[in-house]
Amino acid sequence: MLDALTLTLGVAALALAGWCGLAAYRDQPTKDWHFIGMAVVTVLALAQLVVGIVKLAQGGEPDEGGVIFTAYLIGALCAIPAAGFLSLTERTKWGSVTVAAGAVVLAVLEVRLTDIWGGTGA
């Protein structure tokens, strides 16, 4: 697919996880700047979704099938917004833990997307 975007998104997700994990360690809920970070990561995931769909439309074929690949792209897009929404309902340190966990899930989804596509930037 696009290795640079996948790597950037994975690193950004892990950075967000660390940042929100630090807030949880300090007994802080998610704050406005955390939501800015979540927005940046979500925009990267949206860009990845668009690039992935364009690659499929151009005839690219993931090793494990287009349906699974598209499902993982959609899941990657939804991971951070869902965690952010849940953190709004839990305005304690556990909201920050939720976002950190969602960001780790996103990083794992990025590794799996690379595997599904075939492990190369083809």
C-alpha atoms as a PDB file:
ATOM      1  CA  MET A   1       0.000   0.000   0.000  1.00  0.00           C
ATOM      2  CA  LEU A   2       1.798   3.123   1.161  1.00  0.00           C
ATOM      3  CA  ASP A   3       4.521   2.265   3.635  1.00  0.00           C
ATOM      4  CA  ALA A   4       5.372   5.857   4.577  1.00  0.00           C
ATOM      5  CA  LEU A   5       1.788   6.711   5.506  1.00  0.00           C
ATOM      6  CA  THR A   6       1.298   3.449   7.402  1.00  0.00           C
ATOM      7  CA  LEU A   7       4.534   3.967   9.323  1.00  0.00           C
ATOM      8  CA  THR A   8       3.678   7.604  10.067  1.00  0.00           C
ATOM      9  CA  LEU A   9       0.232   6.641  11.300  1.00  0.00           C
ATOM     10  CA  GLY A  10       1.614   3.857  13.486  1.00  0.00           C
ATOM     11  CA  VAL A  11       4.223   6.128  15.048  1.00  0.00           C
ATOM     12  CA  ALA A  12       1.657   8.910  15.581  1.00  0.00           C
ATOM     13  CA  ALA A  13      -0.693   6.417  17.247  1.00  0.00           C
ATOM     14  CA  LEU A  14       2.053   5.220  19.586  1.00  0.00           C
ATOM     15  CA  ALA A  15       2.988   8.826  20.391  1.00  0.00           C
ATOM     16  CA  LEU A  16      -0.657   9.548  21.224  1.00  0.00           C
ATOM     17  CA  ALA A  17      -0.764   6.419  23.393  1.00  0.00           C
ATOM     18  CA  GLY A  18       2.305   7.558  25.295  1.00  0.00           C
ATOM     19  CA  TRP A  19       0.974  11.079  25.692  1.00  0.00           C
ATOM     20  CA  CYS A  20      -2.398   9.931  27.016  1.00  0.00           C
ATOM     21  CA  GLY A  21      -0.708   7.268  29.122  1.00  0.00           C
ATOM     22  CA  LEU A  22       1.359   9.991  30.756  1.00  0.00           C
ATOM     23  CA  ALA A  23      -1.816  11.984  31.443  1.00  0.00           C
ATOM     24  CA  ALA A  24      -3.373   8.890  33.036  1.00  0.00           C
ATOM     25  CA  TYR A  25      -0.247   8.392  35.145  1.00  0.00           C
ATOM     26  CA  ARG A  26      -0.665  11.974  36.374  1.00  0.00           C
ATOM     27  CA  ASP A  27      -4.368  11.323  37.164  1.00  0.00           C
ATOM     28  CA  GLN A  28      -5.518  13.719  34.435  1.00  0.00           C
ATOM     29  CA  PRO A  29      -8.475  13.323  32.081  1.00  0.00           C
ATOM     30  CA  THR A  30      -8.129  13.988  28.381  1.00  0.00           C
ATOM     31  CA  LYS A  31      -7.779  17.684  27.688  1.00  0.00           C
ATOM     32  CA  ASP A  32      -8.312  19.842  24.610  1.00  0.00           C
ATOM     33  CA  TRP A  33      -4.775  19.317  23.314  1.00  0.00           C
ATOM     34  CA  HIS A  34      -5.260  15.545  23.516  1.00  0.00           C
ATOM     35  CA  PHE A  35      -8.282  15.941  21.256  1.00  0.00           C
ATOM     36  CA  ILE A  36      -6.143  17.939  18.818  1.00  0.00           C
ATOM     37  CA  GLY A  37      -3.708  15.011  18.768  1.00  0.00           C
ATOM     38  CA  MET A  38      -6.594  12.606  18.228  1.00  0.00           C
ATOM     39  CA  ALA A  39      -7.791  14.765  15.320  1.00  0.00           C
ATOM     40  CA  VAL A  40      -4.349  14.663  13.690  1.00  0.00           C
ATOM     41  CA  VAL A  41      -4.181  10.872  14.000  1.00  0.00           C
ATOM     42  CA  THR A  42      -7.735  10.555  12.665  1.00  0.00           C
ATOM     43  CA  VAL A  43      -6.909  12.714   9.630  1.00  0.00           C
ATOM     44  CA  LEU A  44      -3.943  10.439   8.918  1.00  0.00           C
ATOM     45  CA  ALA A  45      -6.232   7.404   9.181  1.00  0.00           C
ATOM     46  CA  LEU A  46      -8.710   9.053   6.808  1.00  0.00           C
ATOM     47  CA  ALA A  47      -5.900   9.710   4.328  1.00  0.00           C
ATOM     48  CA  GLN A  48      -4.890   6.060   4.615  1.00  0.00           C
ATOM     49  CA  LEU A  49      -8.469   4.968   3.921  1.00  0.00           C
ATOM     50  CA  VAL A  50      -8.604   7.126   0.785  1.00  0.00           C
ATOM     51  CA  VAL A  51      -5.222   5.887  -0.447  1.00  0.00           C
ATOM     52  CA  GLY A  52      -6.212   2.277   0.237  1.00  0.00           C
ATOM     53  CA  ILE A  53      -9.470   2.590  -1.680  1.00  0.00           C
ATOM     54  CA  VAL A  54      -7.685   4.287  -4.582  1.00  0.00           C
ATOM     55  CA  LYS A  55      -5.122   1.454  -4.658  1.00  0.00           C
ATOM     56  CA  LEU A  56      -7.933  -1.087  -4.759  1.00  0.00           C
ATOM     57  CA  ALA A  57      -9.711   0.851  -7.520  1.00  0.00           C
ATOM     58  CA  GLN A  58      -6.492   0.910  -9.563  1.00  0.00           C
ATOM     59  CA  GLY A  59      -6.381  -2.868  -9.488  1.00  0.00           C
ATOM     60  CA  GLY A  60      -4.166  -3.473  -6.474  1.00  0.00           C
ATOM     61  CA  GLU A  61      -4.970  -6.744  -4.793  1.00  0.00           C
ATOM     62  CA  PRO A  62      -4.148  -7.403  -1.134  1.00  0.00           C
ATOM     63  CA  ASP A  63      -2.804 -10.868  -0.351  1.00  0.00           C
ATOM     64  CA  GLU A  64      -5.716 -11.638   1.975  1.00  0.00           C
ATOM     65  CA  GLY A  65      -8.551 -10.055  -0.018  1.00  0.00           C
ATOM     66  CA  GLY A  66     -10.070  -6.664  -0.581  1.00  0.00           C
ATOM     67  CA  VAL A  67     -12.972  -7.075   1.832  1.00  0.00           C
ATOM     68  CA  ILE A  68     -10.725  -7.819   4.818  1.00  0.00           C
ATOM     69  CA  PHE A  69      -8.386  -5.007   3.804  1.00  0.00           C
ATOM     70  CA  THR A  70     -11.259  -2.509   3.552  1.00  0.00           C
ATOM     71  CA  ALA A  71     -12.679  -3.657   6.900  1.00  0.00           C
ATOM     72  CA  TYR A  72      -9.325  -3.072   8.579  1.00  0.00           C
ATOM     73  CA  LEU A  73      -9.056   0.377   6.971  1.00  0.00           C
ATOM     74  CA  ILE A  74     -12.488   1.311   8.317  1.00  0.00           C
ATOM     75  CA  GLY A  75     -11.618  -0.104  11.741  1.00  0.00           C
ATOM     76  CA  ALA A  76      -8.407   1.912  11.780  1.00  0.00           C
ATOM     77  CA  LEU A  77     -10.364   5.052  10.957  1.00  0.00           C
ATOM     78  CA  CYS A  78     -12.886   4.433  13.753  1.00  0.00           C
ATOM     79  CA  ALA A  79     -10.474   3.432  16.553  1.00  0.00           C
ATOM     80  CA  ILE A  80      -9.442   6.889  17.762  1.00  0.00           C
ATOM     81  CA  PRO A  81     -12.801   8.677  17.380  1.00  0.00           C
ATOM     82  CA  ALA A  82     -14.492   5.877  19.341  1.00  0.00           C
ATOM     83  CA  ALA A  83     -11.890   6.074  22.108  1.00  0.00           C
ATOM     84  CA  GLY A  84     -12.159   9.867  22.135  1.00  0.00           C
ATOM     85  CA  PHE A  85     -15.927   9.707  22.484  1.00  0.00           C
ATOM     86  CA  LEU A  86     -15.616   7.253  25.364  1.00  0.00           C
ATOM     87  CA  SER A  87     -13.065   9.510  27.047  1.00  0.00           C
ATOM     88  CA  LEU A  88     -15.633  12.327  26.973  1.00  0.00           C
ATOM     89  CA  THR A  89     -18.039  10.177  28.954  1.00  0.00           C
ATOM     90  CA  GLU A  90     -15.342   9.310  31.513  1.00  0.00           C
ATOM     91  CA  ARG A  91     -13.762  12.572  32.670  1.00  0.00           C
ATOM     92  CA  THR A  92     -11.183  10.937  34.943  1.00  0.00           C
ATOM     93  CA  LYS A  93      -7.794   9.398  34.323  1.00  0.00           C
ATOM     94  CA  TRP A  94      -9.638   6.393  32.896  1.00  0.00           C
ATOM     95  CA  GLY A  95     -10.659   8.497  29.919  1.00  0.00           C
ATOM     96  CA  SER A  96      -6.972   9.008  29.170  1.00  0.00           C
ATOM     97  CA  VAL A  97      -6.372   5.286  29.600  1.00  0.00           C
ATOM     98  CA  THR A  98      -9.149   4.603  27.090  1.00  0.00           C
ATOM     99  CA  VAL A  99      -7.552   6.837  24.457  1.00  0.00           C
ATOM    100  CA  ALA A 100      -4.131   5.308  25.114  1.00  0.00           C
ATOM    101  CA  ALA A 101      -5.582   1.831  24.642  1.00  0.00           C
ATOM    102  CA  GLY A 102      -7.379   2.888  21.456  1.00  0.00           C
ATOM    103  CA  ALA A 103      -4.134   4.304  20.085  1.00  0.00           C
ATOM    104  CA  VAL A 104      -2.296   1.045  20.807  1.00  0.00           C
ATOM    105  CA  VAL A 105      -5.087  -0.830  19.024  1.00  0.00           C
ATOM    106  CA  LEU A 106      -4.611   1.491  16.031  1.00  0.00           C
ATOM    107  CA  ALA A 107      -0.867   0.800  15.967  1.00  0.00           C
ATOM    108  CA  VAL A 108      -1.563  -2.953  15.957  1.00  0.00           C
ATOM    109  CA  LEU A 109      -4.102  -2.496  13.147  1.00  0.00           C
ATOM    110  CA  GLU A 110      -1.401  -0.742  11.126  1.00  0.00           C
ATOM    111  CA  VAL A 111       0.920  -3.732  11.466  1.00  0.00           C
ATOM    112  CA  ARG A 112      -1.916  -6.032  10.428  1.00  0.00           C
ATOM    113  CA  LEU A 113      -2.776  -3.830   7.423  1.00  0.00           C
ATOM    114  CA  THR A 114       0.788  -4.182   6.219  1.00  0.00           C
ATOM    115  CA  ASP A 115       0.511  -7.949   6.535  1.00  0.00           C
ATOM    116  CA  ILE A 116      -2.833  -8.040   4.711  1.00  0.00           C
ATOM    117  CA  TRP A 117      -1.495  -5.991   1.804  1.00  0.00           C
ATOM    118  CA  GLY A 118       1.458  -8.297   1.417  1.00  0.00           C
ATOM    119  CA  GLY A 119       4.151  -6.813   3.616  1.00  0.00           C
ATOM    120  CA  THR A 120       5.533  -4.581   0.873  1.00  0.00           C
ATOM    121  CA  GLY A 121       4.800  -1.133  -0.473  1.00  0.00           C
ATOM    122  CA  ALA A 122       3.793  -2.568  -3.879  1.00  0.00           C
END
